[in-house]
Amino acid sequence: MKKRIAGYAAAAALCACLIGASPAGAVDLQQTSGKTDNILSAADQAKLLPDSMDNQLAAEAITKEQACSLAVRLYASLTDIDYDTLIKKNAEQRNICPFTDTKNADVQEAWLLELTEEEEGKFSPTEPATRQQLISMLYRAIEQSSTGTALSKNEIAEALYSFTDGQYVPDWAEEAMAYFVREGLTSGIGNNKLGVGETIDAEQAAVLTYRAAAAVHTGRGISSSADISTISMHSGTSAVSWSGSGADYYLVYFYQNDSFTGKPVYTEQVSASGSGAKELELPDEIASQPGIWYWSVDGFDCDGKLIAASESTTELAVTAQPEAEIDSSLTVPSQALYEVPYASESIISSTIPAGLTYAGESYSDKVARIFGAGSSYHLYSGASEAESHQVVITVNVWDFDSNGNKVTRTRRFQIHEALAESVQQIFAEIYAGNEQFPIHTLGGYNWRGDGSTSEHCLGTAIDINWDENYMCTNSGKALTGTHWTPGTDPYSIPANSEVVQIFAKYGFGWGGTWNSKKDYMHFSYFGT
């Protein structure tokens, strides 16, 4: 997509702080649900809400004109350009906008920035906006202000077909809707539906816009490299192989059809580096089901960015395997280390699997685990050194749909290589726990500058549901996030919860117990 305006910065200003933005004229929605008031206030302070939404009923559908207003303000926020300055700067260019039924500056600006699907003729600005229209505009604002937001066909299929109406998403909205699902920015409208073709009310629209801004500003919303290479594939009888692309890891997806019109039946992560050929022995879940399958593969770098994709499926003929004869004289040793693809009831253990972190681990043992035997605790010299020690892991989590039903979601994030197995075990136990604690935002490694002492720079800290588990002063003043209300907000982590207990079992401290301040989202290996 070519921009109509040249010279704008290609990358978002990730260091901007939404909560600390200069106050704007108050834009208040009326009769809100009460559940999102903190987010609505933060969105207003960040100048993401247009004046046209002031005193609007929260449950009233927004118009297409208002969707443009939200998308343009998101673009301004992500490019660190004041909205009024943006509108003034582009006044002359907007005059060529071909829409015949509106002269609204936001609609014209959205057209100029290529945030709209329509190109000419009537725009119908007063028509109610649908969910996919708004989400597509917001996604295009992220695209135009940042680099690397493209999703592979595998990622789109995995995200959309988790919902019963995912097959009805129009082609022009597929990537945008999949991005918002995968980044945890939306969980649909309830009953496991995305709400394809349905209108979106003012409260939902404001929340989606704020979440999109927060995802990019915190560095968690950029998901692909600028140049995605093509992977060639080959199917064998007992294994699949593909050309390496220099990726740090691959995700191999197995389907029952060849057209990406259904959710992958099984996905396996393969760690790799370099450009040589890669191979995966058929997983038992596939090898044990003879017939015609289809598979595809994506490659990611250590930041979790998509750098290579097959963008097609390859047929795989699976044949029945003869039953192996069992030698009764042999005994099978117990498995010492836990390998995680998916969680099950058997995952919860009263003991710690061998080799993983544990509550009684000494500080010196922790230092040796992270930095190597004989080393001392130290900061990495820069992002390059830090990233060389990170790996991307995939975990299953519980989340809510809009009706409050528990559903399974998949989250990926970076963590220090020495903690990968332990952290996978932690989240497997949380997923299998009785509380089924819901997680919709999750982050690990995040380089925060050469002078930062945060454990996120080491990849030894994890943040969970950061908006609902804020960092605050001891008096309760928000520093990051908006609130912590366990018992009221299900995304807030209770002090005596399974989440806290499981992290503690594996030797991680919780920021909710700090003395100098409280950081309820934060779990860290060294306790800082």
Protein backbone atom coordinates (compact mmCIF):
# COMPACT_ATOMS: atom_id res chain seq x y z
CA MET A 1 0.00 0.00 0.00
CA LYS A 2 1.54 3.29 -1.10
CA LYS A 3 0.96 6.37 1.01
CA ARG A 4 -0.51 9.44 -0.62
CA ILE A 5 1.67 11.60 1.61
CA ALA A 6 5.41 11.06 1.54
CA GLY A 7 7.83 11.88 4.29
CA TYR A 8 5.90 10.63 7.34
CA ALA A 9 7.89 8.52 9.77
CA ALA A 10 7.63 4.80 9.03
CA ALA A 11 7.91 3.68 12.65
CA ALA A 12 5.62 4.43 15.55
CA ALA A 13 6.89 6.45 18.50
CA LEU A 14 6.98 3.48 20.85
CA CYS A 15 8.25 5.48 23.81
CA ALA A 16 5.07 7.58 24.03
CA CYS A 17 3.13 7.05 27.24
CA LEU A 18 -0.63 7.03 26.73
CA ILE A 19 -1.52 7.48 30.34
CA GLY A 20 0.78 10.46 30.70
CA ALA A 21 -0.42 12.31 27.61
CA SER A 22 -1.43 15.93 27.97
CA PRO A 23 -5.09 16.24 28.98
CA ALA A 24 -7.48 17.04 26.14
CA GLY A 25 -10.92 18.60 26.32
CA ALA A 26 -13.05 16.02 28.10
CA VAL A 27 -15.04 13.72 25.82
CA ASP A 28 -17.56 11.89 27.98
CA LEU A 29 -19.78 9.02 26.90
CA GLN A 30 -23.12 8.73 28.64
CA GLN A 31 -24.53 5.66 30.41
CA THR A 32 -21.41 3.53 30.07
CA SER A 33 -21.28 -0.04 31.35
CA GLY A 34 -18.94 1.12 34.13
CA LYS A 35 -16.48 -1.68 33.33
CA THR A 36 -14.37 0.43 30.95
CA ASP A 37 -14.44 3.88 32.58
CA ASN A 38 -10.70 3.83 33.32
CA ILE A 39 -9.91 2.97 29.70
CA LEU A 40 -12.31 5.62 28.40
CA SER A 41 -10.64 8.22 30.60
CA ALA A 42 -7.18 7.17 29.40
CA ALA A 43 -8.33 7.24 25.76
CA ASP A 44 -9.63 10.78 26.24
CA GLN A 45 -6.42 11.94 27.91
CA ALA A 46 -4.46 10.46 24.98
CA LYS A 47 -6.59 12.54 22.56
CA LEU A 48 -7.95 9.47 20.84
CA LEU A 49 -11.65 10.42 21.06
CA PRO A 50 -13.27 12.97 18.71
CA ASP A 51 -15.52 15.77 19.95
CA SER A 52 -18.42 14.19 18.06
CA MET A 53 -18.50 11.42 20.69
CA ASP A 54 -18.95 13.86 23.60
CA ASN A 55 -22.24 13.13 25.42
CA GLN A 56 -23.00 10.29 23.02
CA LEU A 57 -24.77 7.28 24.52
CA ALA A 58 -22.19 4.57 25.08
CA ALA A 59 -24.46 1.93 23.54
CA GLU A 60 -25.20 4.01 20.43
CA ALA A 61 -23.57 2.83 17.20
CA ILE A 62 -20.82 5.04 15.85
CA THR A 63 -21.03 6.34 12.28
CA LYS A 64 -18.55 5.76 9.49
CA GLU A 65 -17.49 9.38 9.95
CA GLN A 66 -16.70 8.72 13.61
CA ALA A 67 -14.78 5.58 12.66
CA CYS A 68 -12.61 7.78 10.44
CA SER A 69 -12.14 10.21 13.33
CA LEU A 70 -10.92 7.43 15.63
CA ALA A 71 -8.58 5.98 13.00
CA VAL A 72 -7.05 9.37 12.15
CA ARG A 73 -6.45 10.13 15.82
CA LEU A 74 -4.84 6.72 16.27
CA TYR A 75 -2.54 7.47 13.34
CA ALA A 76 -1.62 10.84 14.87
CA SER A 77 -0.85 9.17 18.21
CA LEU A 78 1.31 6.44 16.67
CA THR A 79 3.32 8.90 14.56
CA ASP A 80 3.71 11.33 17.47
CA ILE A 81 2.01 14.10 15.48
CA ASP A 82 -0.48 16.36 17.22
CA TYR A 83 -3.91 15.78 15.69
CA ASP A 84 -4.59 19.50 15.10
CA THR A 85 -1.17 19.88 13.47
CA LEU A 86 -1.88 16.90 11.19
CA ILE A 87 -5.23 18.29 10.09
CA LYS A 88 -3.81 21.76 9.45
CA LYS A 89 -0.79 20.41 7.62
CA ASN A 90 -2.81 18.35 5.13
CA ALA A 91 -5.66 20.79 4.47
CA GLU A 92 -4.61 21.47 0.89
CA GLN A 93 -4.02 17.81 -0.04
CA ARG A 94 -7.45 16.85 1.31
CA ASN A 95 -9.16 19.06 -1.28
CA ILE A 96 -8.71 16.35 -3.91
CA CYS A 97 -10.77 13.84 -1.90
CA PRO A 98 -13.37 12.48 -4.39
CA PHE A 99 -16.20 11.80 -1.94
CA THR A 100 -19.28 13.67 -3.11
CA ASP A 101 -21.39 13.52 0.04
CA THR A 102 -19.04 14.87 2.74
CA LYS A 103 -16.42 17.53 3.35
CA ASN A 104 -15.62 16.28 6.85
CA ALA A 105 -11.91 16.74 7.56
CA ASP A 106 -11.52 13.36 9.30
CA VAL A 107 -13.17 11.47 6.45
CA GLN A 108 -10.98 13.27 3.93
CA GLU A 109 -7.87 12.67 6.05
CA ALA A 110 -8.72 8.97 6.36
CA TRP A 111 -9.01 8.80 2.57
CA LEU A 112 -5.72 10.66 2.17
CA LEU A 113 -3.95 8.22 4.50
CA GLU A 114 -5.62 5.25 2.77
CA LEU A 115 -7.43 4.16 5.93
CA THR A 116 -10.76 3.71 4.14
CA GLU A 117 -11.94 0.92 1.88
CA GLU A 118 -13.89 3.32 -0.34
CA GLU A 119 -11.95 5.17 -3.01
CA GLU A 120 -14.48 7.47 -4.69
CA GLY A 121 -18.15 8.39 -5.04
CA LYS A 122 -20.42 8.46 -2.00
CA PHE A 123 -18.96 7.67 1.41
CA SER A 124 -22.25 7.66 3.38
CA PRO A 125 -20.69 9.26 6.48
CA THR A 126 -23.80 9.00 8.67
CA GLU A 127 -24.28 5.27 8.17
CA PRO A 128 -23.50 3.12 11.21
CA ALA A 129 -20.00 1.62 11.08
CA THR A 130 -19.57 -2.14 11.35
CA ARG A 131 -17.00 -3.84 13.55
CA GLN A 132 -14.90 -4.93 10.59
CA GLN A 133 -14.98 -1.43 9.10
CA LEU A 134 -13.64 0.20 12.27
CA ILE A 135 -11.09 -2.54 12.96
CA SER A 136 -9.86 -2.35 9.36
CA MET A 137 -9.42 1.43 9.62
CA LEU A 138 -7.54 1.10 12.90
CA TYR A 139 -5.34 -1.65 11.46
CA ARG A 140 -4.52 0.46 8.43
CA ALA A 141 -3.59 3.33 10.75
CA ILE A 142 -1.11 0.95 12.41
CA GLU A 143 0.16 -0.17 8.99
CA GLN A 144 0.64 3.39 7.78
CA SER A 145 2.41 4.53 10.94
CA SER A 146 4.55 1.44 11.53
CA THR A 147 6.39 -1.30 9.69
CA GLY A 148 5.77 -5.02 9.64
CA THR A 149 2.14 -5.72 10.44
CA ALA A 150 1.43 -8.31 7.72
CA LEU A 151 0.06 -11.68 8.86
CA SER A 152 0.55 -14.99 7.08
CA LYS A 153 -2.35 -17.05 5.80
CA ASN A 154 -1.67 -19.50 8.64
CA GLU A 155 -1.95 -16.76 11.28
CA ILE A 156 -5.17 -15.46 9.73
CA ALA A 157 -6.72 -18.93 9.60
CA GLU A 158 -5.73 -19.71 13.18
CA ALA A 159 -7.21 -16.44 14.46
CA LEU A 160 -10.42 -16.17 12.43
CA TYR A 161 -11.56 -19.77 12.52
CA SER A 162 -11.47 -19.85 16.29
CA PHE A 163 -14.84 -18.10 15.88
CA THR A 164 -18.00 -19.58 14.41
CA ASP A 165 -18.55 -16.62 12.05
CA GLY A 166 -14.89 -16.28 11.02
CA GLN A 167 -15.68 -17.66 7.56
CA TYR A 168 -17.88 -14.64 6.86
CA VAL A 169 -15.19 -11.98 7.32
CA PRO A 170 -14.79 -10.19 3.95
CA ASP A 171 -11.45 -10.46 2.19
CA TRP A 172 -10.56 -6.80 2.77
CA ALA A 173 -11.00 -7.20 6.54
CA GLU A 174 -9.41 -10.63 7.15
CA GLU A 175 -5.92 -9.48 8.06
CA ALA A 176 -7.16 -6.65 10.29
CA MET A 177 -9.63 -8.83 12.19
CA ALA A 178 -7.02 -11.58 12.62
CA TYR A 179 -4.46 -9.08 13.93
CA PHE A 180 -6.87 -7.73 16.55
CA VAL A 181 -7.75 -11.26 17.66
CA ARG A 182 -4.15 -12.47 17.81
CA GLU A 183 -2.92 -9.43 19.74
CA GLY A 184 -5.74 -9.85 22.28
CA LEU A 185 -7.35 -6.54 21.30
CA THR A 186 -10.76 -8.13 20.77
CA SER A 187 -12.40 -11.36 21.86
CA GLY A 188 -15.52 -10.89 19.75
CA ILE A 189 -19.09 -10.17 20.81
CA GLY A 190 -19.93 -13.36 22.67
CA ASN A 191 -21.09 -16.89 21.81
CA ASN A 192 -17.68 -17.34 20.18
CA LYS A 193 -18.56 -14.84 17.43
CA LEU A 194 -16.57 -11.97 15.97
CA GLY A 195 -19.72 -10.02 15.15
CA VAL A 196 -19.12 -9.92 11.40
CA GLY A 197 -21.30 -7.25 9.77
CA GLU A 198 -22.69 -5.99 13.09
CA THR A 199 -22.52 -2.36 14.15
CA ILE A 200 -20.15 -1.25 16.89
CA ASP A 201 -21.17 1.03 19.73
CA ALA A 202 -19.27 4.06 20.99
CA GLU A 203 -17.94 2.37 24.14
CA GLN A 204 -16.58 -0.64 22.25
CA ALA A 205 -15.08 1.60 19.55
CA ALA A 206 -13.25 3.77 22.09
CA VAL A 207 -11.86 0.70 23.89
CA LEU A 208 -10.65 -0.90 20.66
CA THR A 209 -8.90 2.33 19.63
CA TYR A 210 -7.18 2.66 23.01
CA ARG A 211 -6.07 -0.99 23.00
CA ALA A 212 -4.62 -0.61 19.49
CA ALA A 213 -2.65 2.45 20.57
CA ALA A 214 -1.41 0.74 23.74
CA ALA A 215 -0.30 -2.38 21.82
CA VAL A 216 1.95 -0.40 19.49
CA HIS A 217 3.18 2.15 22.04
CA THR A 218 4.34 -0.65 24.34
CA GLY A 219 6.11 -2.46 21.51
CA ARG A 220 3.77 -5.43 21.58
CA GLY A 221 1.82 -4.77 18.41
CA ILE A 222 4.36 -5.12 15.60
CA SER A 223 4.39 -8.64 14.26
CA SER A 224 6.29 -9.03 10.99
CA SER A 225 9.40 -7.88 9.17
CA ALA A 226 9.22 -5.50 6.25
CA ASP A 227 10.27 -8.18 3.74
CA ILE A 228 8.73 -11.64 4.10
CA SER A 229 10.48 -14.39 2.11
CA THR A 230 8.86 -17.50 0.64
CA ILE A 231 9.40 -20.98 2.08
CA SER A 232 9.36 -24.04 -0.20
CA MET A 233 8.10 -27.33 1.28
CA HIS A 234 8.39 -31.09 0.69
CA SER A 235 6.23 -33.90 2.09
CA GLY A 236 7.77 -37.24 2.97
CA THR A 237 6.19 -40.42 4.32
CA SER A 238 7.11 -39.93 7.96
CA ALA A 239 8.37 -36.35 8.02
CA VAL A 240 7.95 -32.96 6.37
CA SER A 241 10.82 -30.69 5.35
CA TRP A 242 11.25 -27.14 4.11
CA SER A 243 13.91 -24.69 3.02
CA GLY A 244 15.37 -22.70 5.90
CA SER A 245 15.07 -18.93 5.78
CA GLY A 246 17.34 -17.84 8.60
CA ALA A 247 14.43 -17.87 11.04
CA ASP A 248 15.01 -18.48 14.74
CA TYR A 249 11.98 -20.75 14.94
CA TYR A 250 9.20 -22.09 12.77
CA LEU A 251 5.54 -22.92 13.29
CA VAL A 252 4.30 -25.88 11.26
CA TYR A 253 0.52 -26.03 10.78
CA PHE A 254 -1.50 -29.11 9.81
CA TYR A 255 -4.93 -28.74 8.16
CA GLN A 256 -7.74 -30.96 6.94
CA ASN A 257 -8.22 -28.80 3.83
CA ASP A 258 -5.92 -27.03 1.38
CA SER A 259 -7.45 -23.56 1.33
CA PHE A 260 -6.86 -21.97 4.78
CA THR A 261 -10.64 -22.00 5.35
CA GLY A 262 -10.50 -23.78 8.66
CA LYS A 263 -8.51 -23.60 11.87
CA PRO A 264 -5.29 -25.66 11.95
CA VAL A 265 -5.88 -29.05 13.53
CA TYR A 266 -2.41 -29.11 15.04
CA THR A 267 0.51 -26.68 15.27
CA GLU A 268 4.08 -27.52 16.24
CA GLN A 269 6.92 -25.11 17.03
CA VAL A 270 10.40 -25.99 15.74
CA SER A 271 13.49 -24.18 16.98
CA ALA A 272 16.05 -23.53 14.26
CA SER A 273 18.58 -21.08 12.88
CA GLY A 274 20.52 -20.65 9.68
CA SER A 275 19.35 -21.20 6.11
CA GLY A 276 19.71 -24.98 5.66
CA ALA A 277 16.85 -27.40 5.14
CA LYS A 278 14.63 -28.11 8.15
CA GLU A 279 12.71 -31.26 8.97
CA LEU A 280 9.92 -32.25 11.36
CA GLU A 281 8.98 -35.84 12.09
CA LEU A 282 5.22 -36.19 11.84
CA PRO A 283 3.65 -35.52 15.25
CA ASP A 284 1.73 -38.44 16.77
CA GLU A 285 -1.49 -36.43 16.47
CA ILE A 286 -1.09 -36.54 12.66
CA ALA A 287 0.81 -39.80 12.13
CA SER A 288 -1.89 -41.70 14.04
CA GLN A 289 -4.65 -40.52 11.66
CA PRO A 290 -4.12 -42.00 8.17
CA GLY A 291 -5.47 -40.05 5.22
CA ILE A 292 -4.81 -36.88 3.26
CA TRP A 293 -3.59 -33.92 5.28
CA TYR A 294 -2.26 -30.50 4.31
CA TRP A 295 0.51 -28.57 5.99
CA SER A 296 2.10 -25.14 5.87
CA VAL A 297 4.95 -23.35 7.66
CA ASP A 298 5.92 -19.86 8.86
CA GLY A 299 9.32 -18.62 10.07
CA PHE A 300 9.85 -16.07 12.83
CA ASP A 301 12.84 -14.17 14.19
CA CYS A 302 13.81 -13.91 17.85
CA ASP A 303 11.46 -10.92 18.26
CA GLY A 304 8.49 -13.04 17.21
CA LYS A 305 8.22 -11.19 13.89
CA LEU A 306 7.14 -13.09 10.80
CA ILE A 307 10.05 -13.17 8.33
CA ALA A 308 9.12 -16.07 6.03
CA ALA A 309 5.96 -17.92 5.01
CA SER A 310 4.96 -20.68 2.62
CA GLU A 311 1.62 -18.90 1.95
CA SER A 312 0.28 -22.18 0.54
CA THR A 313 -0.44 -25.70 1.73
CA THR A 314 1.22 -28.90 0.58
CA GLU A 315 -0.53 -32.26 0.46
CA LEU A 316 0.60 -34.90 2.92
CA ALA A 317 -0.43 -38.56 2.56
CA VAL A 318 -0.36 -40.28 5.95
CA THR A 319 -0.42 -44.09 5.87
CA ALA A 320 -1.26 -46.47 8.69
CA GLN A 321 1.79 -47.60 10.64
CA PRO A 322 2.24 -51.27 11.62
CA GLU A 323 1.93 -51.89 15.32
CA ALA A 324 5.29 -52.29 17.00
CA GLU A 325 5.98 -55.44 18.99
CA ILE A 326 6.59 -54.74 22.67
CA ASP A 327 9.55 -56.37 24.35
CA SER A 328 8.26 -57.12 27.84
CA SER A 329 11.81 -57.36 29.14
CA LEU A 330 12.31 -53.64 28.66
CA THR A 331 11.18 -50.97 31.08
CA VAL A 332 10.38 -47.41 30.10
CA PRO A 333 12.22 -44.77 32.17
CA SER A 334 10.16 -41.92 33.55
CA GLN A 335 10.44 -38.61 31.73
CA ALA A 336 12.54 -36.16 33.72
CA LEU A 337 11.75 -32.95 31.88
CA TYR A 338 8.34 -31.71 30.90
CA GLU A 339 7.73 -30.92 27.23
CA VAL A 340 4.86 -28.57 26.59
CA PRO A 341 2.76 -28.39 23.53
CA TYR A 342 -0.63 -28.22 25.26
CA ALA A 343 -1.96 -28.26 28.78
CA SER A 344 -3.90 -31.09 30.43
CA GLU A 345 -5.02 -32.04 33.91
CA SER A 346 -1.86 -34.15 34.38
CA ILE A 347 0.30 -31.04 34.10
CA ILE A 348 -0.42 -29.78 37.61
CA SER A 349 2.20 -31.32 39.83
CA SER A 350 3.00 -31.06 43.50
CA THR A 351 6.68 -31.46 42.62
CA ILE A 352 9.01 -29.52 40.34
CA PRO A 353 10.12 -31.35 37.16
CA ALA A 354 13.89 -31.85 37.10
CA GLY A 355 15.93 -29.01 35.69
CA LEU A 356 13.29 -26.30 36.08
CA THR A 357 13.43 -23.27 38.36
CA TYR A 358 12.07 -23.65 41.89
CA ALA A 359 11.21 -21.63 44.98
CA GLY A 360 14.24 -22.74 46.99
CA GLU A 361 16.75 -21.81 44.31
CA SER A 362 19.53 -19.60 45.68
CA TYR A 363 20.34 -16.20 44.22
CA SER A 364 23.75 -17.43 43.03
CA ASP A 365 22.11 -20.42 41.33
CA LYS A 366 19.70 -18.07 39.57
CA VAL A 367 22.58 -15.89 38.37
CA ALA A 368 24.42 -18.96 37.08
CA ARG A 369 21.30 -20.17 35.26
CA ILE A 370 20.85 -16.86 33.42
CA PHE A 371 24.43 -15.65 32.90
CA GLY A 372 26.46 -18.86 33.10
CA ALA A 373 28.57 -20.52 35.78
CA GLY A 374 31.03 -18.16 37.44
CA SER A 375 29.29 -15.04 36.12
CA SER A 376 27.82 -12.20 38.16
CA TYR A 377 24.50 -10.46 37.74
CA HIS A 378 24.80 -7.76 35.09
CA LEU A 379 22.85 -5.82 32.48
CA TYR A 380 23.24 -6.73 28.84
CA SER A 381 25.30 -4.25 26.82
CA GLY A 382 22.49 -3.55 24.41
CA ALA A 383 19.40 -4.89 22.66
CA SER A 384 21.43 -7.09 20.28
CA GLU A 385 23.11 -8.98 23.11
CA ALA A 386 19.85 -9.29 25.05
CA GLU A 387 17.90 -10.58 22.05
CA SER A 388 20.51 -13.26 21.36
CA HIS A 389 19.40 -14.92 24.62
CA GLN A 390 15.64 -14.78 23.98
CA VAL A 391 13.31 -17.40 22.57
CA VAL A 392 9.64 -17.18 21.62
CA ILE A 393 7.29 -19.55 23.41
CA THR A 394 3.65 -20.35 22.76
CA VAL A 395 1.20 -20.96 25.60
CA ASN A 396 -2.50 -21.71 25.91
CA VAL A 397 -4.52 -19.39 28.14
CA TRP A 398 -8.12 -18.91 29.14
CA ASP A 399 -9.94 -15.76 28.12
CA PHE A 400 -13.51 -14.50 27.99
CA ASP A 401 -15.66 -13.87 25.00
CA SER A 402 -18.05 -10.91 25.24
CA ASN A 403 -20.75 -13.02 26.88
CA GLY A 404 -18.43 -14.03 29.69
CA ASN A 405 -17.86 -17.55 28.38
CA LYS A 406 -14.40 -19.06 28.93
CA VAL A 407 -12.56 -19.84 25.69
CA THR A 408 -9.03 -21.00 24.91
CA ARG A 409 -6.64 -18.53 23.28
CA THR A 410 -3.03 -18.87 22.18
CA ARG A 411 -0.41 -16.29 23.20
CA ARG A 412 3.21 -15.93 22.05
CA PHE A 413 5.88 -13.92 23.81
CA GLN A 414 9.65 -13.80 24.34
CA ILE A 415 11.46 -15.03 27.41
CA HIS A 416 15.07 -15.79 28.32
CA GLU A 417 16.18 -19.11 26.84
CA ALA A 418 17.17 -20.43 30.27
CA LEU A 419 13.62 -19.91 31.57
CA ALA A 420 11.63 -21.14 28.57
CA GLU A 421 10.74 -24.60 29.90
CA SER A 422 9.95 -23.26 33.36
CA VAL A 423 7.68 -20.54 32.02
CA GLN A 424 5.88 -22.96 29.72
CA GLN A 425 5.31 -25.21 32.73
CA ILE A 426 3.99 -22.25 34.74
CA PHE A 427 1.42 -21.32 32.12
CA ALA A 428 0.48 -24.94 31.53
CA GLU A 429 -0.35 -25.24 35.23
CA ILE A 430 -2.26 -21.94 35.23
CA TYR A 431 -4.26 -23.15 32.21
CA ALA A 432 -5.00 -26.50 33.85
CA GLY A 433 -5.81 -24.95 37.23
CA ASN A 434 -9.20 -24.86 38.92
CA GLU A 435 -9.48 -21.06 38.64
CA GLN A 436 -8.99 -20.98 34.85
CA PHE A 437 -7.64 -17.46 35.28
CA PRO A 438 -8.31 -15.37 32.11
CA ILE A 439 -5.36 -13.73 30.34
CA HIS A 440 -5.85 -11.34 27.44
CA THR A 441 -2.56 -9.42 27.44
CA LEU A 442 0.80 -11.02 28.07
CA GLY A 443 4.37 -9.82 27.60
CA GLY A 444 7.88 -10.90 28.52
CA TYR A 445 11.16 -9.62 27.08
CA ASN A 446 11.02 -5.94 26.14
CA TRP A 447 14.17 -3.83 25.65
CA ARG A 448 13.53 -0.58 27.51
CA GLY A 449 16.72 1.32 26.79
CA ASP A 450 20.42 0.99 27.53
CA GLY A 451 20.04 2.56 30.96
CA SER A 452 17.07 0.51 32.11
CA THR A 453 17.50 -1.93 35.00
CA SER A 454 14.15 -3.63 34.32
CA GLU A 455 14.20 -7.42 34.27
CA HIS A 456 12.18 -7.16 31.05
CA CYS A 457 15.50 -6.18 29.41
CA LEU A 458 16.91 -9.53 30.53
CA GLY A 459 13.85 -11.50 29.49
CA THR A 460 13.33 -12.67 33.08
CA ALA A 461 10.10 -10.79 33.79
CA ILE A 462 6.50 -11.29 32.65
CA ASP A 463 3.54 -8.87 32.67
CA ILE A 464 -0.03 -10.24 32.74
CA ASN A 465 -3.14 -8.17 31.93
CA TRP A 466 -1.25 -4.90 32.40
CA ASP A 467 -4.24 -2.57 32.26
CA GLU A 468 -6.20 -4.41 34.96
CA ASN A 469 -3.11 -5.03 37.13
CA TYR A 470 -1.56 -1.60 37.24
CA MET A 471 1.76 -0.41 38.61
CA CYS A 472 1.06 2.27 41.17
CA THR A 473 2.45 4.20 44.10
CA ASN A 474 1.65 2.90 47.56
CA SER A 475 -1.07 5.54 47.72
CA GLY A 476 -2.72 4.03 44.65
CA LYS A 477 -1.74 6.59 42.01
CA ALA A 478 -1.50 4.84 38.62
CA LEU A 479 1.95 4.74 37.00
CA THR A 480 1.21 2.17 34.27
CA GLY A 481 -2.21 0.66 33.62
CA THR A 482 -5.45 1.88 35.15
CA HIS A 483 -6.56 -0.30 38.09
CA TRP A 484 -6.31 -3.45 40.21
CA THR A 485 -9.67 -4.65 41.47
CA PRO A 486 -9.57 -8.40 42.19
CA GLY A 487 -13.00 -9.79 42.94
CA THR A 488 -14.55 -7.16 40.68
CA ASP A 489 -12.49 -7.34 37.50
CA PRO A 490 -11.77 -10.99 36.58
CA TYR A 491 -8.56 -9.94 34.79
CA SER A 492 -7.10 -8.58 38.05
CA ILE A 493 -4.83 -11.06 39.82
CA PRO A 494 -5.91 -11.83 43.41
CA ALA A 495 -3.12 -11.91 45.99
CA ASN A 496 -3.88 -15.51 46.97
CA SER A 497 -4.62 -16.75 43.46
CA GLU A 498 -3.29 -19.84 41.72
CA VAL A 499 -1.38 -17.51 39.39
CA VAL A 500 0.65 -16.02 42.25
CA GLN A 501 1.11 -19.40 43.93
CA ILE A 502 2.29 -21.17 40.75
CA PHE A 503 4.77 -18.43 39.88
CA ALA A 504 6.06 -18.54 43.47
CA LYS A 505 6.40 -22.33 43.26
CA TYR A 506 8.84 -21.82 40.38
CA GLY A 507 10.81 -19.11 42.15
CA PHE A 508 9.26 -15.95 40.63
CA GLY A 509 8.47 -12.90 42.76
CA TRP A 510 5.28 -10.86 42.37
CA GLY A 511 5.27 -7.07 42.15
CA GLY A 512 2.11 -6.99 44.24
CA THR A 513 4.24 -7.63 47.34
CA TRP A 514 6.79 -4.86 46.76
CA ASN A 515 7.28 -2.26 49.49
CA SER A 516 8.36 0.83 47.48
CA LYS A 517 5.41 0.57 45.05
CA LYS A 518 3.06 -2.06 43.70
CA ASP A 519 3.26 -3.69 40.25
CA TYR A 520 0.41 -6.16 40.16
CA MET A 521 1.02 -7.27 36.56
CA HIS A 522 4.68 -8.12 37.14
CA PHE A 523 6.34 -11.47 37.86
CA SER A 524 10.13 -11.65 37.85
CA TYR A 525 12.77 -14.31 38.37
CA PHE A 526 15.10 -12.13 40.46
CA GLY A 527 12.19 -10.37 42.19
CA THR A 528 12.88 -6.87 40.76
